[in-house]
N, C-alpha and C. Protein backbone atom coordinates (compact mmCIF):
# COMPACT_ATOMS: atom_id res chain seq x y z
N MET A 1 -20.64 5.76 -4.70
CA MET A 1 -20.57 6.89 -4.06
C MET A 1 -19.31 6.91 -3.48
N GLY A 2 -18.71 7.99 -3.36
CA GLY A 2 -17.67 8.58 -3.03
C GLY A 2 -17.41 8.46 -1.36
N LYS A 3 -15.97 8.68 -0.83
CA LYS A 3 -16.11 8.55 0.81
C LYS A 3 -17.03 9.06 1.41
N LYS A 4 -17.27 10.56 0.84
CA LYS A 4 -18.17 11.43 1.87
C LYS A 4 -19.29 11.60 1.24
N GLY A 5 -19.86 10.71 0.43
CA GLY A 5 -21.23 10.51 -0.26
C GLY A 5 -21.32 11.18 -1.76
N ASP A 6 -20.23 11.76 -2.08
CA ASP A 6 -19.90 12.39 -3.50
C ASP A 6 -20.37 11.40 -4.57
N ILE A 7 -21.53 11.71 -5.49
CA ILE A 7 -21.53 10.83 -6.42
C ILE A 7 -20.37 10.59 -7.65
N ILE A 8 -20.06 9.26 -7.88
CA ILE A 8 -19.07 8.97 -8.69
C ILE A 8 -19.37 8.02 -9.40
N SER A 9 -19.55 8.50 -11.00
CA SER A 9 -20.07 7.26 -11.70
C SER A 9 -19.00 6.15 -12.17
N PRO A 10 -19.35 4.96 -12.22
CA PRO A 10 -18.61 3.93 -12.41
C PRO A 10 -17.67 4.00 -14.02
N TRP A 11 -16.81 3.06 -14.01
CA TRP A 11 -15.88 3.60 -15.18
C TRP A 11 -16.58 2.84 -16.18
N THR A 12 -16.60 3.68 -17.49
CA THR A 12 -17.40 3.07 -18.59
C THR A 12 -16.73 2.80 -20.10
N TYR A 13 -15.41 3.11 -19.69
CA TYR A 13 -14.04 2.79 -21.01
C TYR A 13 -13.73 1.68 -20.92
N SER A 14 -13.38 1.10 -22.37
CA SER A 14 -12.80 -0.08 -22.24
C SER A 14 -11.27 0.10 -21.89
N ASP A 15 -10.42 -1.11 -21.68
CA ASP A 15 -8.94 -0.76 -21.27
C ASP A 15 -8.12 -0.04 -22.12
N ALA A 16 -8.39 -0.42 -23.54
CA ALA A 16 -7.41 0.30 -24.41
C ALA A 16 -8.01 1.92 -24.51
N ASP A 17 -9.49 2.20 -24.19
CA ASP A 17 -9.63 3.51 -24.13
C ASP A 17 -8.91 4.22 -22.92
N ALA A 18 -8.94 3.69 -22.27
CA ALA A 18 -8.16 3.85 -20.79
C ALA A 18 -6.90 4.31 -20.78
N LEU A 19 -6.22 3.25 -21.67
CA LEU A 19 -4.59 3.73 -21.53
C LEU A 19 -4.42 4.82 -22.62
N VAL A 20 -5.28 5.39 -23.63
CA VAL A 20 -5.42 6.36 -24.41
C VAL A 20 -5.85 7.81 -23.48
N LEU A 21 -6.70 7.67 -23.00
CA LEU A 21 -7.27 8.55 -21.74
C LEU A 21 -5.97 9.29 -20.90
N LEU A 22 -5.38 7.86 -20.30
CA LEU A 22 -4.43 8.22 -19.40
C LEU A 22 -3.04 8.95 -19.91
N ARG A 23 -3.03 8.70 -21.24
CA ARG A 23 -1.50 9.16 -21.69
C ARG A 23 -2.18 10.96 -22.04
N HIS A 24 -3.28 11.29 -22.33
CA HIS A 24 -3.85 12.92 -22.26
C HIS A 24 -3.83 13.37 -20.79
N ALA A 25 -4.01 12.65 -19.86
CA ALA A 25 -4.12 13.29 -18.54
C ALA A 25 -3.28 13.99 -17.99
N VAL A 26 -3.49 15.32 -17.08
CA VAL A 26 -2.72 16.22 -16.84
C VAL A 26 -2.49 15.82 -15.19
N TYR A 27 -1.14 16.19 -14.38
CA TYR A 27 -1.19 16.29 -13.16
C TYR A 27 -1.45 16.95 -12.15
N SER A 28 -2.54 16.85 -11.41
CA SER A 28 -2.88 17.81 -10.60
C SER A 28 -2.26 17.67 -9.11
N LYS A 29 -0.91 18.60 -8.42
CA LYS A 29 -0.33 18.20 -7.58
C LYS A 29 -1.08 18.25 -6.30
N LYS A 30 -2.25 19.06 -6.28
CA LYS A 30 -2.80 19.34 -5.33
C LYS A 30 -3.66 17.79 -5.01
N ALA A 31 -4.26 17.35 -5.50
CA ALA A 31 -4.70 15.80 -5.56
C ALA A 31 -3.94 14.80 -5.64
N LYS A 32 -2.88 14.96 -6.26
CA LYS A 32 -1.74 13.70 -6.25
C LYS A 32 -2.36 12.75 -7.34
N ARG A 33 -3.30 13.26 -8.43
CA ARG A 33 -3.63 12.62 -9.42
C ARG A 33 -3.92 12.96 -10.54
N LEU A 34 -3.76 12.28 -11.47
CA LEU A 34 -4.07 12.51 -13.26
C LEU A 34 -5.23 12.65 -13.41
N ILE A 35 -5.82 13.96 -14.13
CA ILE A 35 -7.16 14.05 -14.45
C ILE A 35 -7.13 14.52 -15.97
N LEU A 36 -8.59 14.21 -16.40
CA LEU A 36 -8.57 14.70 -17.99
C LEU A 36 -10.00 15.05 -18.26
N HIS A 37 -10.18 16.18 -18.76
CA HIS A 37 -11.83 16.38 -18.96
C HIS A 37 -12.11 16.02 -20.53
N HIS A 38 -13.24 15.01 -20.29
CA HIS A 38 -13.88 14.35 -21.73
C HIS A 38 -14.94 15.14 -22.00
N LYS A 39 -14.69 16.27 -22.83
CA LYS A 39 -15.75 17.41 -23.11
C LYS A 39 -16.82 16.56 -23.57
N GLU A 40 -16.78 15.63 -24.40
CA GLU A 40 -18.03 14.94 -25.09
C GLU A 40 -18.55 14.26 -24.18
N ASP A 41 -18.35 13.35 -23.32
CA ASP A 41 -18.92 12.75 -22.15
C ASP A 41 -19.61 13.71 -21.09
N LYS A 42 -18.75 14.76 -20.82
CA LYS A 42 -18.92 15.81 -19.71
C LYS A 42 -18.67 15.17 -18.48
N LYS A 43 -17.29 14.55 -18.55
CA LYS A 43 -17.22 14.10 -17.43
C LYS A 43 -15.68 14.31 -17.06
N VAL A 44 -14.98 14.14 -15.92
CA VAL A 44 -13.55 14.65 -15.47
C VAL A 44 -13.15 12.90 -15.12
N LEU A 45 -12.15 12.46 -15.69
CA LEU A 45 -11.67 11.28 -15.52
C LEU A 45 -10.41 11.40 -14.59
N VAL A 46 -10.14 10.46 -13.74
CA VAL A 46 -9.41 10.61 -12.46
C VAL A 46 -8.55 9.57 -12.45
N PHE A 47 -7.27 9.36 -12.36
CA PHE A 47 -6.21 8.38 -12.52
C PHE A 47 -5.34 8.56 -11.48
N PHE A 48 -5.44 7.62 -10.36
CA PHE A 48 -3.95 7.44 -9.40
C PHE A 48 -3.30 6.11 -9.31
N ASN A 49 -2.02 6.52 -9.24
CA ASN A 49 -1.31 5.40 -9.21
C ASN A 49 -1.41 4.76 -7.77
N GLU A 50 -1.30 3.19 -7.64
CA GLU A 50 -1.49 2.51 -6.80
C GLU A 50 0.01 2.09 -6.07
N ASN A 51 1.00 2.64 -6.30
CA ASN A 51 2.19 2.72 -6.20
C ASN A 51 2.60 1.26 -6.02
N LEU A 52 2.26 0.20 -6.76
CA LEU A 52 2.89 -0.91 -7.15
C LEU A 52 4.25 -0.95 -7.84
N THR A 53 5.12 -2.33 -7.61
CA THR A 53 6.13 -2.20 -8.16
C THR A 53 5.84 -1.86 -9.89
N GLU A 54 4.90 -2.00 -10.55
CA GLU A 54 4.63 -1.83 -11.77
C GLU A 54 3.80 -0.52 -11.68
N PRO A 55 4.18 0.49 -12.75
CA PRO A 55 3.04 1.47 -13.15
C PRO A 55 1.76 1.23 -12.92
N THR A 56 0.60 1.29 -11.89
CA THR A 56 -0.76 0.57 -12.19
C THR A 56 -1.87 1.96 -11.48
N TYR A 57 -2.77 2.13 -12.15
CA TYR A 57 -3.44 3.03 -12.17
C TYR A 57 -4.71 2.88 -12.21
N HIS A 58 -5.36 3.18 -11.08
CA HIS A 58 -6.80 3.00 -10.77
C HIS A 58 -7.58 4.39 -11.24
N ALA A 59 -8.80 4.04 -11.95
CA ALA A 59 -9.36 5.34 -12.24
C ALA A 59 -10.63 5.35 -11.95
N TYR A 60 -11.30 6.31 -11.91
CA TYR A 60 -12.92 6.51 -11.90
C TYR A 60 -13.26 8.03 -12.54
N GLN A 61 -14.47 8.22 -12.86
CA GLN A 61 -14.93 9.28 -13.54
C GLN A 61 -15.96 10.16 -12.58
N ILE A 62 -16.28 11.24 -12.69
CA ILE A 62 -17.07 11.99 -12.13
C ILE A 62 -17.51 12.99 -12.98
N TYR A 63 -18.87 13.24 -12.52
CA TYR A 63 -19.47 14.47 -13.60
C TYR A 63 -18.92 15.46 -13.46
N GLU A 64 -18.95 16.29 -14.57
CA GLU A 64 -18.28 17.97 -14.48
C GLU A 64 -19.15 18.81 -13.62
N LYS A 65 -20.58 18.85 -13.19
CA LYS A 65 -21.16 19.24 -12.51
C LYS A 65 -21.38 18.74 -11.27
N ASP A 66 -20.28 18.25 -10.72
CA ASP A 66 -20.14 17.86 -9.07
C ASP A 66 -19.23 18.61 -8.58
N SER A 67 -19.47 19.82 -8.34
CA SER A 67 -18.67 20.96 -7.90
C SER A 67 -17.83 20.54 -6.48
N SER A 68 -18.12 19.80 -5.62
CA SER A 68 -17.57 19.09 -4.52
C SER A 68 -16.51 18.05 -4.80
N GLU A 69 -16.89 17.52 -5.90
CA GLU A 69 -15.64 16.65 -6.30
C GLU A 69 -14.29 17.42 -7.03
N LEU A 70 -14.86 18.12 -7.89
CA LEU A 70 -13.83 19.15 -8.74
C LEU A 70 -13.13 19.93 -7.58
N SER A 71 -13.72 20.44 -6.60
CA SER A 71 -12.80 21.31 -5.95
C SER A 71 -11.58 20.52 -5.11
N LYS A 72 -11.36 19.43 -5.49
CA LYS A 72 -10.48 18.54 -5.18
C LYS A 72 -9.02 19.12 -5.87
N PHE A 73 -9.41 19.84 -6.70
CA PHE A 73 -8.27 20.24 -8.02
C PHE A 73 -8.02 21.51 -7.72
N SER A 74 -6.84 21.83 -8.14
CA SER A 74 -6.51 23.37 -7.92
C SER A 74 -6.50 23.87 -9.19
N ASN A 75 -7.16 25.27 -9.01
CA ASN A 75 -7.40 26.07 -10.18
C ASN A 75 -6.34 26.00 -11.64
N GLU A 76 -5.14 25.69 -11.01
CA GLU A 76 -3.92 25.50 -12.06
C GLU A 76 -4.09 24.10 -12.58
N SER A 77 -4.54 23.14 -11.92
CA SER A 77 -4.70 21.96 -12.67
C SER A 77 -5.87 22.08 -13.71
N LYS A 78 -6.88 22.40 -13.12
CA LYS A 78 -7.95 22.84 -14.09
C LYS A 78 -7.85 23.58 -15.37
N LYS A 79 -7.29 24.62 -15.37
CA LYS A 79 -6.73 25.42 -16.57
C LYS A 79 -5.81 24.59 -17.22
N LYS A 80 -4.98 23.41 -16.62
CA LYS A 80 -3.64 23.02 -17.84
C LYS A 80 -4.93 21.61 -18.36
N MET A 81 -6.00 21.09 -17.52
CA MET A 81 -6.93 20.19 -18.21
C MET A 81 -7.60 20.72 -19.39
N GLU A 82 -8.03 21.88 -19.21
CA GLU A 82 -9.04 22.67 -20.16
C GLU A 82 -8.21 22.77 -21.51
N LYS A 83 -6.84 22.97 -21.56
CA LYS A 83 -6.01 22.92 -22.96
C LYS A 83 -5.81 21.91 -23.55
N VAL A 84 -6.12 20.74 -23.03
CA VAL A 84 -5.97 19.55 -23.44
C VAL A 84 -7.17 19.34 -24.30
N LEU A 85 -7.12 18.71 -25.71
CA LEU A 85 -8.15 18.88 -26.64
C LEU A 85 -8.32 17.11 -26.65
N TYR A 86 -9.75 17.18 -25.88
CA TYR A 86 -10.04 15.57 -25.52
C TYR A 86 -11.18 15.73 -25.30
């Protein structure tokens, strides 16, 4: 569960897959996160930098039908995300 009770699914991808997914993600200025729509799995993957000395990302996934969680991203970010073929 997210901070406000939103349902957030646990991360189900391997570290190697996560690296590939991270490289395809687009930046959401509004949420200050990298996001990627995994169309096959019907999830939106969210990566945020933990601001450590080395670039380190924390990631979670949300279901594409979770409108309350998706509202955190701007329409511009969603449009960019939809252009990525993944």
